C-alpha cells in the first residue's frame, strides 16, 4: 500500500516516529497529512520538492525533532528553489522541540537564516551546506547556548577571517566539521576553539 493510502486509513493514528523507508517520498498531498501522525519526530530529506508548495504543515507538528531541507538536486526546477527558500524565510512558527536541522542549497540571506534559527530554541545539531549567502557566523547567535554539533560544508566562497571565527569560542561544541569551507584559512588564522574540540 502507498504512503498516501496508509495515511488515509481509518482508525487510531499510526505510531510512526519516522516514515517507513519503503514509503519515504513526500509530496504536497502527503505533507498535508503528516500532522495526523502525533508521534512523528523525524523528517529527513524525503521530499519531492518540486511537488511541495508550502511548509505550513510544520506549524502543526510541535513534536518534530529532526528536519532536513536538501535542495542539492540538479533536477529541481529553479522556481522550486525560490519557493522553498521563500517558505523558510517567511516561516514564523516556533519549532520548540527541533534539535536537528539540515539546510543544503537553500537561498537564505544572513538575516533570514538568523530569523529561522531564532525559532529553534532547542537546536543541538546544525548542518549547513552550499549556502551562497553565508559570509560569517552571526546567523548562529540564536543557538549559541544549545548547539553541540555544527557542520558548515562546501561554503568555500565565504571569506571567514580570524575575527569572523571568534564566535566559535562561545559555543560548547562536541563536534565541528568545516569540510571544504574554511580549510587553510582557519588553520592560518590559528583560531583556538575553547570548546576543546
C-alpha atoms as a PDB file:
ATOM      1  CA  UNK A   1       0.000   0.000   0.000  1.00  0.00           C
ATOM      2  CA  UNK A   2       1.216   3.503  -0.805  1.00  0.00           C
ATOM      3  CA  UNK A   3       2.133   6.029   1.880  1.00  0.00           C
ATOM      4  CA  UNK A   4      -0.917   8.078   0.958  1.00  0.00           C
ATOM      5  CA  UNK A   5      -3.130   5.020   1.363  1.00  0.00           C
ATOM      6  CA  UNK A   6      -1.645   4.244   4.772  1.00  0.00           C
ATOM      7  CA  UNK A   7      -2.172   7.803   5.966  1.00  0.00           C
ATOM      8  CA  UNK A   8      -5.792   7.733   4.824  1.00  0.00           C
ATOM      9  CA  UNK A   9      -6.654   4.548   6.739  1.00  0.00           C
ATOM     10  CA  UNK A  10      -9.375   4.957   9.324  1.00  0.00           C
ATOM     11  CA  UNK A  11      -8.699   4.060  12.942  1.00  0.00           C
ATOM     12  CA  UNK A  12      -6.283   5.289  15.607  1.00  0.00           C
ATOM     13  CA  UNK A  13      -3.246   7.352  14.486  1.00  0.00           C
ATOM     14  CA  UNK A  14      -0.233   5.438  13.228  1.00  0.00           C
ATOM     15  CA  UNK A  15       2.510   5.336  15.860  1.00  0.00           C
ATOM     16  CA  UNK A  16       5.384   6.086  13.490  1.00  0.00           C
ATOM     17  CA  UNK A  17       8.314   8.119  14.802  1.00  0.00           C
ATOM     18  CA  UNK A  18       9.612   8.344  11.235  1.00  0.00           C
ATOM     19  CA  UNK A  19       8.296   7.383   7.825  1.00  0.00           C
ATOM     20  CA  UNK A  20       8.845   3.766   6.727  1.00  0.00           C
ATOM     21  CA  UNK A  21      11.853   3.521   4.436  1.00  0.00           C
ATOM     22  CA  UNK A  22       9.868   1.925   1.615  1.00  0.00           C
ATOM     23  CA  UNK A  23       7.401   4.823   1.635  1.00  0.00           C
ATOM     24  CA  UNK A  24       9.544   7.889   2.098  1.00  0.00           C
ATOM     25  CA  UNK A  25       8.692  10.231  -0.778  1.00  0.00           C
ATOM     26  CA  UNK A  26       6.588  13.154   0.394  1.00  0.00           C
ATOM     27  CA  UNK A  27       4.615  15.413  -1.913  1.00  0.00           C
ATOM     28  CA  UNK A  28       2.105  18.178  -1.155  1.00  0.00           C
ATOM     29  CA  UNK A  29      -0.813  15.808  -0.564  1.00  0.00           C
ATOM     30  CA  UNK A  30       1.153  13.634   1.854  1.00  0.00           C
ATOM     31  CA  UNK A  31       2.712  16.628   3.614  1.00  0.00           C
ATOM     32  CA  UNK A  32      -0.754  17.915   4.476  1.00  0.00           C
ATOM     33  CA  UNK A  33      -1.467  14.618   6.266  1.00  0.00           C
ATOM     34  CA  UNK A  34       1.785  14.413   8.247  1.00  0.00           C
ATOM     35  CA  UNK A  35       0.389  16.378  11.234  1.00  0.00           C
ATOM     36  CA  UNK A  36      -2.057  13.493  11.739  1.00  0.00           C
ATOM     37  CA  UNK A  37       0.924  11.420  12.941  1.00  0.00           C
ATOM     38  CA  UNK A  38       1.325  12.575  16.561  1.00  0.00           C
ATOM     39  CA  UNK A  39       4.481  10.535  17.168  1.00  0.00           C
ATOM     40  CA  UNK A  40       6.350  11.546  14.006  1.00  0.00           C
ATOM     41  CA  UNK A  41       9.555  13.237  15.149  1.00  0.00           C
ATOM     42  CA  UNK A  42      11.921  12.715  12.197  1.00  0.00           C
ATOM     43  CA  UNK A  43      11.578  14.173   8.698  1.00  0.00           C
ATOM     44  CA  UNK A  44      14.811  13.570   6.782  1.00  0.00           C
ATOM     45  CA  UNK A  45      15.333  14.599   3.170  1.00  0.00           C
ATOM     46  CA  UNK A  46      12.383  12.628   1.822  1.00  0.00           C
ATOM     47  CA  UNK A  47      10.512  15.329  -0.056  1.00  0.00           C
ATOM     48  CA  UNK A  48       9.660  15.614  -3.717  1.00  0.00           C
ATOM     49  CA  UNK A  49      10.414  19.320  -3.539  1.00  0.00           C
ATOM     50  CA  UNK A  50       9.037  20.102  -6.999  1.00  0.00           C
ATOM     51  CA  UNK A  51       5.658  18.962  -5.644  1.00  0.00           C
ATOM     52  CA  UNK A  52       5.804  20.860  -2.329  1.00  0.00           C
ATOM     53  CA  UNK A  53       4.072  24.242  -2.398  1.00  0.00           C
ATOM     54  CA  UNK A  54       4.242  25.176   1.288  1.00  0.00           C
ATOM     55  CA  UNK A  55       5.866  24.332   4.614  1.00  0.00           C
ATOM     56  CA  UNK A  56       2.756  25.277   6.573  1.00  0.00           C
ATOM     57  CA  UNK A  57       2.355  21.680   7.771  1.00  0.00           C
ATOM     58  CA  UNK A  58       5.408  22.151  10.022  1.00  0.00           C
ATOM     59  CA  UNK A  59       3.439  24.571  12.183  1.00  0.00           C
ATOM     60  CA  UNK A  60       1.127  21.688  13.119  1.00  0.00           C
ATOM     61  CA  UNK A  61       3.943  19.327  14.116  1.00  0.00           C
ATOM     62  CA  UNK A  62       5.190  20.601  17.506  1.00  0.00           C
ATOM     63  CA  UNK A  63       6.713  17.212  18.288  1.00  0.00           C
ATOM     64  CA  UNK A  64       9.162  17.377  15.350  1.00  0.00           C
ATOM     65  CA  UNK A  65      12.790  16.887  16.396  1.00  0.00           C
ATOM     66  CA  UNK A  66      14.644  16.402  13.102  1.00  0.00           C
ATOM     67  CA  UNK A  67      14.035  18.141   9.777  1.00  0.00           C
ATOM     68  CA  UNK A  68      16.040  18.320   6.564  1.00  0.00           C
ATOM     69  CA  UNK A  69      15.727  20.625   3.574  1.00  0.00           C
ATOM     70  CA  UNK A  70      18.110  19.357   0.905  1.00  0.00           C
ATOM     71  CA  UNK A  71      17.734  21.201  -2.394  1.00  0.00           C
ATOM     72  CA  UNK A  72      21.020  19.971  -3.855  1.00  0.00           C
ATOM     73  CA  UNK A  73      19.449  18.282  -6.836  1.00  0.00           C
ATOM     74  CA  UNK A  74      20.190  19.212 -10.437  1.00  0.00           C
ATOM     75  CA  UNK A  75      16.691  18.092 -11.417  1.00  0.00           C
ATOM     76  CA  UNK A  76      14.966  20.636  -9.205  1.00  0.00           C
ATOM     77  CA  UNK A  77      13.316  23.485 -11.041  1.00  0.00           C
ATOM     78  CA  UNK A  78      14.649  26.991 -10.377  1.00  0.00           C
ATOM     79  CA  UNK A  79      11.197  28.016  -9.191  1.00  0.00           C
ATOM     80  CA  UNK A  80      11.329  25.237  -6.606  1.00  0.00           C
ATOM     81  CA  UNK A  81      14.498  26.656  -5.041  1.00  0.00           C
ATOM     82  CA  UNK A  82      12.877  30.070  -4.862  1.00  0.00           C
ATOM     83  CA  UNK A  83       9.573  28.766  -3.447  1.00  0.00           C
ATOM     84  CA  UNK A  84      11.045  26.565  -0.707  1.00  0.00           C
ATOM     85  CA  UNK A  85      13.640  29.141   0.267  1.00  0.00           C
ATOM     86  CA  UNK A  86      10.910  31.786   0.470  1.00  0.00           C
ATOM     87  CA  UNK A  87       8.823  29.454   2.631  1.00  0.00           C
ATOM     88  CA  UNK A  88      11.740  29.072   5.036  1.00  0.00           C
ATOM     89  CA  UNK A  89      12.417  32.807   5.012  1.00  0.00           C
ATOM     90  CA  UNK A  90       8.830  33.646   5.942  1.00  0.00           C
ATOM     91  CA  UNK A  91       8.245  30.805   8.404  1.00  0.00           C
ATOM     92  CA  UNK A  92       7.238  32.233  11.785  1.00  0.00           C
ATOM     93  CA  UNK A  93       6.015  29.321  13.930  1.00  0.00           C
ATOM     94  CA  UNK A  94       8.453  28.249  16.668  1.00  0.00           C
ATOM     95  CA  UNK A  95       9.795  24.718  16.285  1.00  0.00           C
ATOM     96  CA  UNK A  96      10.150  24.280  20.013  1.00  0.00           C
ATOM     97  CA  UNK A  97      11.345  20.664  20.045  1.00  0.00           C
ATOM     98  CA  UNK A  98      13.550  20.695  16.944  1.00  0.00           C
ATOM     99  CA  UNK A  99      17.059  19.517  17.837  1.00  0.00           C
ATOM    100  CA  UNK A 100      18.482  18.611  14.411  1.00  0.00           C
ATOM    101  CA  UNK A 101      18.297  20.781  11.273  1.00  0.00           C
ATOM    102  CA  UNK A 102      19.857  20.333   7.831  1.00  0.00           C
ATOM    103  CA  UNK A 103      19.837  23.101   5.220  1.00  0.00           C
ATOM    104  CA  UNK A 104      21.506  22.320   1.907  1.00  0.00           C
ATOM    105  CA  UNK A 105      21.472  24.704  -1.064  1.00  0.00           C
ATOM    106  CA  UNK A 106      18.695  26.889   0.298  1.00  0.00           C
ATOM    107  CA  UNK A 107      18.696  30.555  -0.665  1.00  0.00           C
ATOM    108  CA  UNK A 108      18.520  32.384   2.630  1.00  0.00           C
ATOM    109  CA  UNK A 109      20.165  35.680   3.405  1.00  0.00           C
ATOM    110  CA  UNK A 110      22.149  36.075   6.616  1.00  0.00           C
ATOM    111  CA  UNK A 111      19.228  37.809   8.423  1.00  0.00           C
ATOM    112  CA  UNK A 112      16.763  35.214   7.145  1.00  0.00           C
ATOM    113  CA  UNK A 113      18.896  32.336   8.420  1.00  0.00           C
ATOM    114  CA  UNK A 114      19.238  34.022  11.783  1.00  0.00           C
ATOM    115  CA  UNK A 115      15.474  34.580  11.979  1.00  0.00           C
ATOM    116  CA  UNK A 116      14.858  30.912  11.187  1.00  0.00           C
ATOM    117  CA  UNK A 117      17.277  29.743  13.882  1.00  0.00           C
ATOM    118  CA  UNK A 118      15.554  32.017  16.374  1.00  0.00           C
ATOM    119  CA  UNK A 119      12.574  29.667  16.026  1.00  0.00           C
ATOM    120  CA  UNK A 120      14.633  26.646  17.168  1.00  0.00           C
ATOM    121  CA  UNK A 121      15.463  27.238  20.860  1.00  0.00           C
ATOM    122  CA  UNK A 122      16.458  23.592  21.465  1.00  0.00           C
ATOM    123  CA  UNK A 123      18.661  23.110  18.390  1.00  0.00           C
ATOM    124  CA  UNK A 124      21.668  20.873  19.076  1.00  0.00           C
ATOM    125  CA  UNK A 125      22.788  19.781  15.602  1.00  0.00           C
ATOM    126  CA  UNK A 126      23.066  22.060  12.568  1.00  0.00           C
ATOM    127  CA  UNK A 127      24.286  21.074   9.105  1.00  0.00           C
ATOM    128  CA  UNK A 128      24.709  23.885   6.587  1.00  0.00           C
ATOM    129  CA  UNK A 129      25.917  23.215   3.051  1.00  0.00           C
ATOM    130  CA  UNK A 130      26.168  25.155  -0.185  1.00  0.00           C
ATOM    131  CA  UNK A 131      24.785  28.364   1.294  1.00  0.00           C
ATOM    132  CA  UNK A 132      25.803  31.102  -1.098  1.00  0.00           C
ATOM    133  CA  UNK A 133      24.994  33.931   1.301  1.00  0.00           C
ATOM    134  CA  UNK A 134      26.897  32.655   4.339  1.00  0.00           C
ATOM    135  CA  UNK A 135      29.732  35.102   4.973  1.00  0.00           C
ATOM    136  CA  UNK A 136      30.161  34.866   8.752  1.00  0.00           C
ATOM    137  CA  UNK A 137      28.760  33.053  11.785  1.00  0.00           C
ATOM    138  CA  UNK A 138      26.461  35.736  13.173  1.00  0.00           C
ATOM    139  CA  UNK A 139      23.270  33.945  12.000  1.00  0.00           C
ATOM    140  CA  UNK A 140      24.141  31.218  14.537  1.00  0.00           C
ATOM    141  CA  UNK A 141      23.926  33.538  17.541  1.00  0.00           C
ATOM    142  CA  UNK A 142      20.353  32.443  18.472  1.00  0.00           C
ATOM    143  CA  UNK A 143      21.545  28.851  19.078  1.00  0.00           C
ATOM    144  CA  UNK A 144      24.793  29.662  20.888  1.00  0.00           C
ATOM    145  CA  UNK A 145      23.592  28.160  24.170  1.00  0.00           C
ATOM    146  CA  UNK A 146      22.235  24.881  22.782  1.00  0.00           C
ATOM    147  CA  UNK A 147      24.287  23.948  19.717  1.00  0.00           C
ATOM    148  CA  UNK A 148      26.621  20.977  20.226  1.00  0.00           C
ATOM    149  CA  UNK A 149      27.305  19.792  16.667  1.00  0.00           C
ATOM    150  CA  UNK A 150      27.995  22.140  13.763  1.00  0.00           C
ATOM    151  CA  UNK A 151      28.854  21.377  10.142  1.00  0.00           C
ATOM    152  CA  UNK A 152      29.479  24.066   7.524  1.00  0.00           C
ATOM    153  CA  UNK A 153      30.300  22.289   4.291  1.00  0.00           C
ATOM    154  CA  UNK A 154      31.059  23.438   0.770  1.00  0.00           C
ATOM    155  CA  UNK A 155      30.724  27.107   1.630  1.00  0.00           C
ATOM    156  CA  UNK A 156      34.245  27.853   0.392  1.00  0.00           C
ATOM    157  CA  UNK A 157      33.124  31.092  -1.211  1.00  0.00           C
ATOM    158  CA  UNK A 158      32.732  32.616   2.265  1.00  0.00           C
ATOM    159  CA  UNK A 159      35.572  34.825   3.457  1.00  0.00           C
ATOM    160  CA  UNK A 160      35.965  33.544   7.018  1.00  0.00           C
ATOM    161  CA  UNK A 161      38.713  35.611   8.578  1.00  0.00           C
ATOM    162  CA  UNK A 162      40.049  35.153  12.099  1.00  0.00           C
ATOM    163  CA  UNK A 163      37.742  37.755  13.612  1.00  0.00           C
ATOM    164  CA  UNK A 164      34.737  36.116  11.980  1.00  0.00           C
ATOM    165  CA  UNK A 165      35.639  32.781  13.552  1.00  0.00           C
ATOM    166  CA  UNK A 166      35.898  34.109  17.089  1.00  0.00           C
ATOM    167  CA  UNK A 167      32.198  33.444  17.617  1.00  0.00           C
ATOM    168  CA  UNK A 168      33.022  29.718  17.715  1.00  0.00           C
ATOM    169  CA  UNK A 169      34.554  30.260  21.128  1.00  0.00           C
ATOM    170  CA  UNK A 170      31.096  30.988  22.518  1.00  0.00           C
ATOM    171  CA  UNK A 171      29.792  27.535  21.605  1.00  0.00           C
ATOM    172  CA  UNK A 172      30.243  24.374  23.643  1.00  0.00           C
ATOM    173  CA  UNK A 173      30.654  22.163  20.608  1.00  0.00           C
ATOM    174  CA  UNK A 174      31.461  18.474  20.797  1.00  0.00           C
ATOM    175  CA  UNK A 175      31.639  18.151  17.008  1.00  0.00           C
ATOM    176  CA  UNK A 176      32.770  20.673  14.399  1.00  0.00           C
ATOM    177  CA  UNK A 177      33.000  19.942  10.671  1.00  0.00           C
ATOM    178  CA  UNK A 178      34.238  22.659   8.318  1.00  0.00           C
ATOM    179  CA  UNK A 179      34.708  20.445   5.269  1.00  0.00           C
ATOM    180  CA  UNK A 180      35.573  22.357   2.115  1.00  0.00           C
ATOM    181  CA  UNK A 181      34.585  25.606   3.783  1.00  0.00           C
ATOM    182  CA  UNK A 182      37.234  27.184   5.934  1.00  0.00           C
ATOM    183  CA  UNK A 183      40.134  24.870   5.194  1.00  0.00           C
ATOM    184  CA  UNK A 184      43.521  26.536   5.262  1.00  0.00           C
ATOM    185  CA  UNK A 185      42.116  29.930   6.248  1.00  0.00           C
ATOM    186  CA  UNK A 186      41.123  28.657   9.688  1.00  0.00           C
ATOM    187  CA  UNK A 187      44.490  26.936  10.096  1.00  0.00           C
ATOM    188  CA  UNK A 188      46.434  30.040   9.105  1.00  0.00           C
ATOM    189  CA  UNK A 189      44.286  32.214  11.355  1.00  0.00           C
ATOM    190  CA  UNK A 190      45.148  29.898  14.257  1.00  0.00           C
ATOM    191  CA  UNK A 191      41.792  30.301  15.916  1.00  0.00           C
ATOM    192  CA  UNK A 192      41.722  28.443  19.221  1.00  0.00           C
ATOM    193  CA  UNK A 193      38.462  26.618  19.903  1.00  0.00           C
ATOM    194  CA  UNK A 194      37.824  26.934  23.613  1.00  0.00           C
ATOM    195  CA  UNK A 195      35.332  24.094  23.448  1.00  0.00           C
ATOM    196  CA  UNK A 196      38.309  21.679  23.314  1.00  0.00           C
ATOM    197  CA  UNK A 197      37.251  20.065  20.041  1.00  0.00           C
END
